[in-house]
Amino acid sequence: MNQDQLMKNKFLLLTIASLALISTQASASTAQSDDVIKLPTYLVESPRYLPAEKSIEASLSELRDQVSTPVVTVELYSLRSQATSAFTGCEVKTAQQVPAAAIAVAKG
């Protein structure tokens, strides 16, 4: 027998064994009794909020009423337009403009 024929025989044996196992499992599952087991039911009643939770919520609400939201303003210099200067009283220079100090050194 060559290797290919041996593999085919092993596969056939494995297939037959698998089908036999599946058929025994299927017959065992249908043989179960149809008795329904009724479990006891419990009804639990509880208040939605416990007194401690109500007390905490009341104190937090009182604290929220006392606190006012502070006004915070942040100036973002990188988002300013080029029409306004980051420094007061100075004009905005672009990268193409030559600084006055460089002109003085070049002339001198």
N, C-alpha and C. Protein backbone atom coordinates (compact mmCIF):
# COMPACT_ATOMS: atom_id res chain seq x y z
N MET A 1 0.84 -1.19 0.00
CA MET A 1 0.00 0.00 0.00
C MET A 1 0.88 1.25 0.00
N ASN A 2 0.53 2.17 -0.81
CA ASN A 2 1.31 3.40 -0.83
C ASN A 2 0.75 4.41 0.19
N GLN A 3 1.45 5.48 0.32
CA GLN A 3 1.11 6.51 1.33
C GLN A 3 -0.26 7.13 1.06
N ASP A 4 -0.59 7.37 -0.17
CA ASP A 4 -1.86 8.00 -0.53
C ASP A 4 -3.04 7.10 -0.18
N GLN A 5 -2.90 5.81 -0.47
CA GLN A 5 -3.98 4.86 -0.16
C GLN A 5 -4.16 4.72 1.34
N LEU A 6 -3.07 4.75 2.09
CA LEU A 6 -3.13 4.66 3.55
C LEU A 6 -3.85 5.87 4.14
N MET A 7 -3.60 7.06 3.63
CA MET A 7 -4.28 8.27 4.10
C MET A 7 -5.78 8.21 3.81
N LYS A 8 -6.15 7.69 2.65
CA LYS A 8 -7.56 7.57 2.30
C LYS A 8 -8.27 6.60 3.24
N ASN A 9 -7.61 5.50 3.58
CA ASN A 9 -8.21 4.53 4.51
C ASN A 9 -8.38 5.14 5.91
N LYS A 10 -7.39 5.88 6.37
CA LYS A 10 -7.49 6.52 7.69
C LYS A 10 -8.62 7.54 7.70
N PHE A 11 -8.75 8.28 6.60
CA PHE A 11 -9.82 9.27 6.53
C PHE A 11 -11.19 8.60 6.53
N LEU A 12 -11.31 7.48 5.82
CA LEU A 12 -12.57 6.74 5.77
C LEU A 12 -12.92 6.19 7.15
N LEU A 13 -11.97 5.64 7.86
CA LEU A 13 -12.20 5.13 9.21
C LEU A 13 -12.61 6.26 10.17
N LEU A 14 -11.94 7.37 10.06
CA LEU A 14 -12.26 8.52 10.91
C LEU A 14 -13.66 9.04 10.61
N THR A 15 -14.06 9.07 9.36
CA THR A 15 -15.39 9.52 8.98
C THR A 15 -16.47 8.58 9.53
N ILE A 16 -16.25 7.29 9.40
CA ILE A 16 -17.23 6.31 9.91
C ILE A 16 -17.35 6.42 11.43
N ALA A 17 -16.23 6.57 12.13
CA ALA A 17 -16.26 6.70 13.59
C ALA A 17 -16.98 7.98 14.01
N SER A 18 -16.77 9.06 13.29
CA SER A 18 -17.43 10.33 13.61
C SER A 18 -18.93 10.22 13.42
N LEU A 19 -19.36 9.60 12.32
CA LEU A 19 -20.79 9.43 12.07
C LEU A 19 -21.44 8.54 13.13
N ALA A 20 -20.72 7.51 13.58
CA ALA A 20 -21.25 6.64 14.63
C ALA A 20 -21.43 7.41 15.93
N LEU A 21 -20.46 8.27 16.28
CA LEU A 21 -20.57 9.07 17.51
C LEU A 21 -21.71 10.06 17.41
N ILE A 22 -21.87 10.67 16.26
CA ILE A 22 -22.94 11.66 16.09
C ILE A 22 -24.31 11.00 16.20
N SER A 23 -24.45 9.81 15.63
CA SER A 23 -25.75 9.13 15.69
C SER A 23 -26.08 8.69 17.12
N THR A 24 -25.09 8.26 17.91
CA THR A 24 -25.38 7.88 19.30
C THR A 24 -25.73 9.11 20.14
N GLN A 25 -25.09 10.22 19.88
CA GLN A 25 -25.41 11.45 20.61
C GLN A 25 -26.81 11.92 20.26
N ALA A 26 -27.20 11.82 19.01
CA ALA A 26 -28.52 12.27 18.60
C ALA A 26 -29.60 11.40 19.22
N SER A 27 -29.38 10.10 19.28
CA SER A 27 -30.39 9.23 19.88
C SER A 27 -30.46 9.44 21.39
N ALA A 28 -29.34 9.78 22.03
CA ALA A 28 -29.35 10.02 23.47
C ALA A 28 -30.07 11.31 23.80
N SER A 29 -29.97 12.32 22.93
CA SER A 29 -30.62 13.60 23.20
C SER A 29 -32.13 13.50 23.03
N THR A 30 -32.61 12.65 22.13
CA THR A 30 -34.06 12.50 21.95
C THR A 30 -34.68 11.62 23.01
N ALA A 31 -33.87 10.81 23.70
CA ALA A 31 -34.39 9.90 24.72
C ALA A 31 -34.61 10.59 26.06
N GLN A 32 -34.24 11.86 26.18
CA GLN A 32 -34.42 12.56 27.45
C GLN A 32 -35.89 12.75 27.74
N SER A 33 -36.22 12.78 29.04
CA SER A 33 -37.62 12.98 29.42
C SER A 33 -38.02 14.43 29.24
N ASP A 34 -39.30 14.64 29.07
CA ASP A 34 -39.81 15.98 28.86
C ASP A 34 -40.34 16.61 30.14
N ASP A 35 -39.88 16.14 31.29
CA ASP A 35 -40.32 16.71 32.56
C ASP A 35 -39.75 18.12 32.72
N VAL A 36 -40.62 19.05 33.01
CA VAL A 36 -40.20 20.43 33.20
C VAL A 36 -40.04 20.67 34.69
N ILE A 37 -38.90 21.16 35.06
CA ILE A 37 -38.64 21.46 36.46
C ILE A 37 -39.00 22.90 36.71
N LYS A 38 -39.90 23.15 37.62
CA LYS A 38 -40.30 24.52 37.94
C LYS A 38 -39.47 25.01 39.11
N LEU A 39 -38.79 26.08 38.88
CA LEU A 39 -37.98 26.69 39.93
C LEU A 39 -38.81 27.71 40.68
N PRO A 40 -38.51 27.92 41.97
CA PRO A 40 -39.28 28.91 42.72
C PRO A 40 -38.93 30.33 42.25
N THR A 41 -39.91 31.21 42.31
CA THR A 41 -39.68 32.60 41.95
C THR A 41 -39.68 33.44 43.22
N TYR A 42 -38.84 34.43 43.21
CA TYR A 42 -38.73 35.32 44.36
C TYR A 42 -39.03 36.73 43.90
N LEU A 43 -39.78 37.46 44.70
CA LEU A 43 -40.09 38.85 44.41
C LEU A 43 -39.38 39.71 45.45
N VAL A 44 -38.50 40.55 45.01
CA VAL A 44 -37.72 41.41 45.90
C VAL A 44 -38.15 42.85 45.65
N GLU A 45 -38.56 43.50 46.71
CA GLU A 45 -38.94 44.91 46.62
C GLU A 45 -37.93 45.74 47.39
N SER A 46 -37.53 46.84 46.77
CA SER A 46 -36.53 47.71 47.36
C SER A 46 -36.81 49.13 46.92
N PRO A 47 -36.54 50.11 47.80
CA PRO A 47 -36.74 51.50 47.37
C PRO A 47 -35.72 51.86 46.29
N ARG A 48 -36.10 52.80 45.45
CA ARG A 48 -35.21 53.18 44.36
C ARG A 48 -33.93 53.81 44.89
N TYR A 49 -34.04 54.68 45.85
CA TYR A 49 -32.87 55.31 46.46
C TYR A 49 -32.91 55.07 47.95
N LEU A 50 -31.80 54.67 48.50
CA LEU A 50 -31.69 54.47 49.94
C LEU A 50 -31.54 55.83 50.62
N PRO A 51 -31.85 55.91 51.91
CA PRO A 51 -31.72 57.20 52.61
C PRO A 51 -30.32 57.80 52.52
N ALA A 52 -29.28 56.98 52.56
CA ALA A 52 -27.91 57.51 52.46
C ALA A 52 -27.69 58.14 51.09
N GLU A 53 -28.20 57.50 50.04
CA GLU A 53 -28.05 58.06 48.70
C GLU A 53 -28.81 59.37 48.55
N LYS A 54 -29.99 59.46 49.14
CA LYS A 54 -30.76 60.71 49.10
C LYS A 54 -30.02 61.82 49.82
N SER A 55 -29.40 61.50 50.97
CA SER A 55 -28.66 62.50 51.73
C SER A 55 -27.46 63.02 50.94
N ILE A 56 -26.73 62.11 50.31
CA ILE A 56 -25.57 62.50 49.52
C ILE A 56 -25.98 63.36 48.34
N GLU A 57 -27.05 62.97 47.66
CA GLU A 57 -27.52 63.75 46.51
C GLU A 57 -27.98 65.14 46.93
N ALA A 58 -28.63 65.24 48.10
CA ALA A 58 -29.08 66.55 48.59
C ALA A 58 -27.88 67.44 48.91
N SER A 59 -26.85 66.88 49.56
CA SER A 59 -25.68 67.70 49.89
C SER A 59 -24.92 68.11 48.64
N LEU A 60 -24.87 67.23 47.63
CA LEU A 60 -24.21 67.59 46.38
C LEU A 60 -24.98 68.67 45.65
N SER A 61 -26.28 68.60 45.66
CA SER A 61 -27.09 69.64 45.01
C SER A 61 -26.89 70.98 45.70
N GLU A 62 -26.82 70.96 47.03
CA GLU A 62 -26.59 72.19 47.77
C GLU A 62 -25.22 72.77 47.44
N LEU A 63 -24.22 71.91 47.35
CA LEU A 63 -22.87 72.36 47.01
C LEU A 63 -22.82 72.92 45.60
N ARG A 64 -23.52 72.29 44.67
CA ARG A 64 -23.55 72.79 43.29
C ARG A 64 -24.20 74.16 43.22
N ASP A 65 -25.22 74.38 44.02
CA ASP A 65 -25.89 75.68 44.03
C ASP A 65 -24.97 76.77 44.57
N GLN A 66 -24.11 76.44 45.51
CA GLN A 66 -23.22 77.44 46.13
C GLN A 66 -22.06 77.82 45.22
N VAL A 67 -21.61 76.88 44.44
CA VAL A 67 -20.42 77.11 43.62
C VAL A 67 -20.84 77.74 42.30
N SER A 68 -20.14 78.81 41.94
CA SER A 68 -20.38 79.41 40.63
C SER A 68 -19.22 79.01 39.71
N THR A 69 -19.49 78.87 38.47
CA THR A 69 -18.46 78.48 37.52
C THR A 69 -17.52 79.64 37.27
N PRO A 70 -16.23 79.45 37.50
CA PRO A 70 -15.29 80.55 37.26
C PRO A 70 -15.12 80.78 35.76
N VAL A 71 -14.92 82.03 35.41
CA VAL A 71 -14.72 82.39 34.01
C VAL A 71 -13.22 82.36 33.74
N VAL A 72 -12.82 81.51 32.84
CA VAL A 72 -11.41 81.38 32.51
C VAL A 72 -11.25 81.74 31.05
N THR A 73 -10.38 82.71 30.80
CA THR A 73 -10.09 83.08 29.42
C THR A 73 -8.64 82.75 29.14
N VAL A 74 -8.40 82.17 28.03
CA VAL A 74 -7.05 81.79 27.63
C VAL A 74 -6.79 82.41 26.26
N GLU A 75 -5.68 83.14 26.19
CA GLU A 75 -5.32 83.74 24.90
C GLU A 75 -4.35 82.80 24.20
N LEU A 76 -4.71 82.40 23.02
CA LEU A 76 -3.85 81.54 22.22
C LEU A 76 -3.17 82.39 21.16
N TYR A 77 -1.91 82.71 21.42
CA TYR A 77 -1.19 83.62 20.54
C TYR A 77 -0.99 83.02 19.15
N SER A 78 -0.88 81.72 19.07
CA SER A 78 -0.64 81.12 17.76
C SER A 78 -1.89 81.17 16.88
N LEU A 79 -3.07 81.38 17.47
CA LEU A 79 -4.29 81.46 16.69
C LEU A 79 -4.69 82.88 16.35
N ARG A 80 -3.94 83.84 16.83
CA ARG A 80 -4.25 85.24 16.51
C ARG A 80 -4.01 85.52 15.04
N SER A 81 -4.73 86.48 14.52
CA SER A 81 -4.49 86.87 13.13
C SER A 81 -3.24 87.73 13.07
N GLN A 82 -2.68 87.89 11.89
CA GLN A 82 -1.46 88.68 11.76
C GLN A 82 -1.72 90.17 11.89
N ALA A 83 -2.96 90.58 11.94
CA ALA A 83 -3.27 92.00 12.08
C ALA A 83 -2.98 92.48 13.49
N THR A 84 -3.04 91.59 14.48
CA THR A 84 -2.76 91.99 15.86
C THR A 84 -1.40 91.47 16.24
N SER A 85 -0.74 92.15 17.11
CA SER A 85 0.60 91.79 17.52
C SER A 85 0.57 91.07 18.86
N ALA A 86 1.48 90.13 19.03
CA ALA A 86 1.60 89.45 20.32
C ALA A 86 2.21 90.39 21.35
N PHE A 87 2.97 91.37 20.90
CA PHE A 87 3.59 92.34 21.80
C PHE A 87 2.93 93.69 21.57
N THR A 88 2.64 94.37 22.63
CA THR A 88 1.94 95.64 22.52
C THR A 88 2.86 96.70 21.91
N GLY A 89 2.36 97.43 20.94
CA GLY A 89 3.09 98.54 20.35
C GLY A 89 4.08 98.15 19.28
N CYS A 90 4.25 96.91 18.96
CA CYS A 90 5.19 96.48 17.92
C CYS A 90 4.40 96.03 16.71
N GLU A 91 4.99 96.25 15.56
CA GLU A 91 4.32 95.77 14.37
C GLU A 91 4.72 94.32 14.11
N VAL A 92 3.88 93.62 13.41
CA VAL A 92 4.15 92.22 13.11
C VAL A 92 5.05 92.14 11.91
N LYS A 93 6.12 91.38 12.03
CA LYS A 93 7.06 91.23 10.92
C LYS A 93 6.87 89.84 10.33
N THR A 94 6.92 89.80 9.03
CA THR A 94 6.84 88.51 8.36
C THR A 94 8.24 88.01 8.09
N ALA A 95 8.36 86.78 7.64
CA ALA A 95 9.67 86.19 7.38
C ALA A 95 10.35 86.85 6.19
N GLN A 96 9.59 87.50 5.32
CA GLN A 96 10.17 88.13 4.14
C GLN A 96 10.73 89.52 4.45
N GLN A 97 10.29 90.12 5.55
CA GLN A 97 10.80 91.45 5.89
C GLN A 97 12.16 91.33 6.57
N VAL A 98 13.07 92.21 6.23
CA VAL A 98 14.42 92.19 6.81
C VAL A 98 14.36 93.02 8.10
N PRO A 99 14.83 92.48 9.23
CA PRO A 99 14.83 93.24 10.49
C PRO A 99 15.74 94.49 10.37
N ALA A 100 15.39 95.52 11.13
CA ALA A 100 16.13 96.79 11.06
C ALA A 100 17.55 96.61 11.55
N ALA A 101 17.82 95.75 12.51
CA ALA A 101 19.18 95.52 13.01
C ALA A 101 20.05 94.91 11.93
N ALA A 102 19.52 94.06 11.11
CA ALA A 102 20.28 93.44 10.02
C ALA A 102 20.65 94.49 8.97
N ILE A 103 19.76 95.45 8.74
CA ILE A 103 20.03 96.52 7.77
C ILE A 103 21.14 97.41 8.29
N ALA A 104 21.12 97.71 9.59
CA ALA A 104 22.16 98.56 10.18
C ALA A 104 23.52 97.91 10.14
N VAL A 105 23.58 96.61 10.38
CA VAL A 105 24.87 95.89 10.34
C VAL A 105 25.37 95.85 8.90
N ALA A 106 24.48 95.66 7.94
CA ALA A 106 24.89 95.58 6.55
C ALA A 106 25.43 96.90 6.04
N LYS A 107 24.87 98.03 6.52
CA LYS A 107 25.31 99.36 6.07
C LYS A 107 26.62 99.74 6.75
N GLY A 108 26.78 99.29 8.01
CA GLY A 108 27.91 99.75 8.82
C GLY A 108 29.18 99.09 8.52
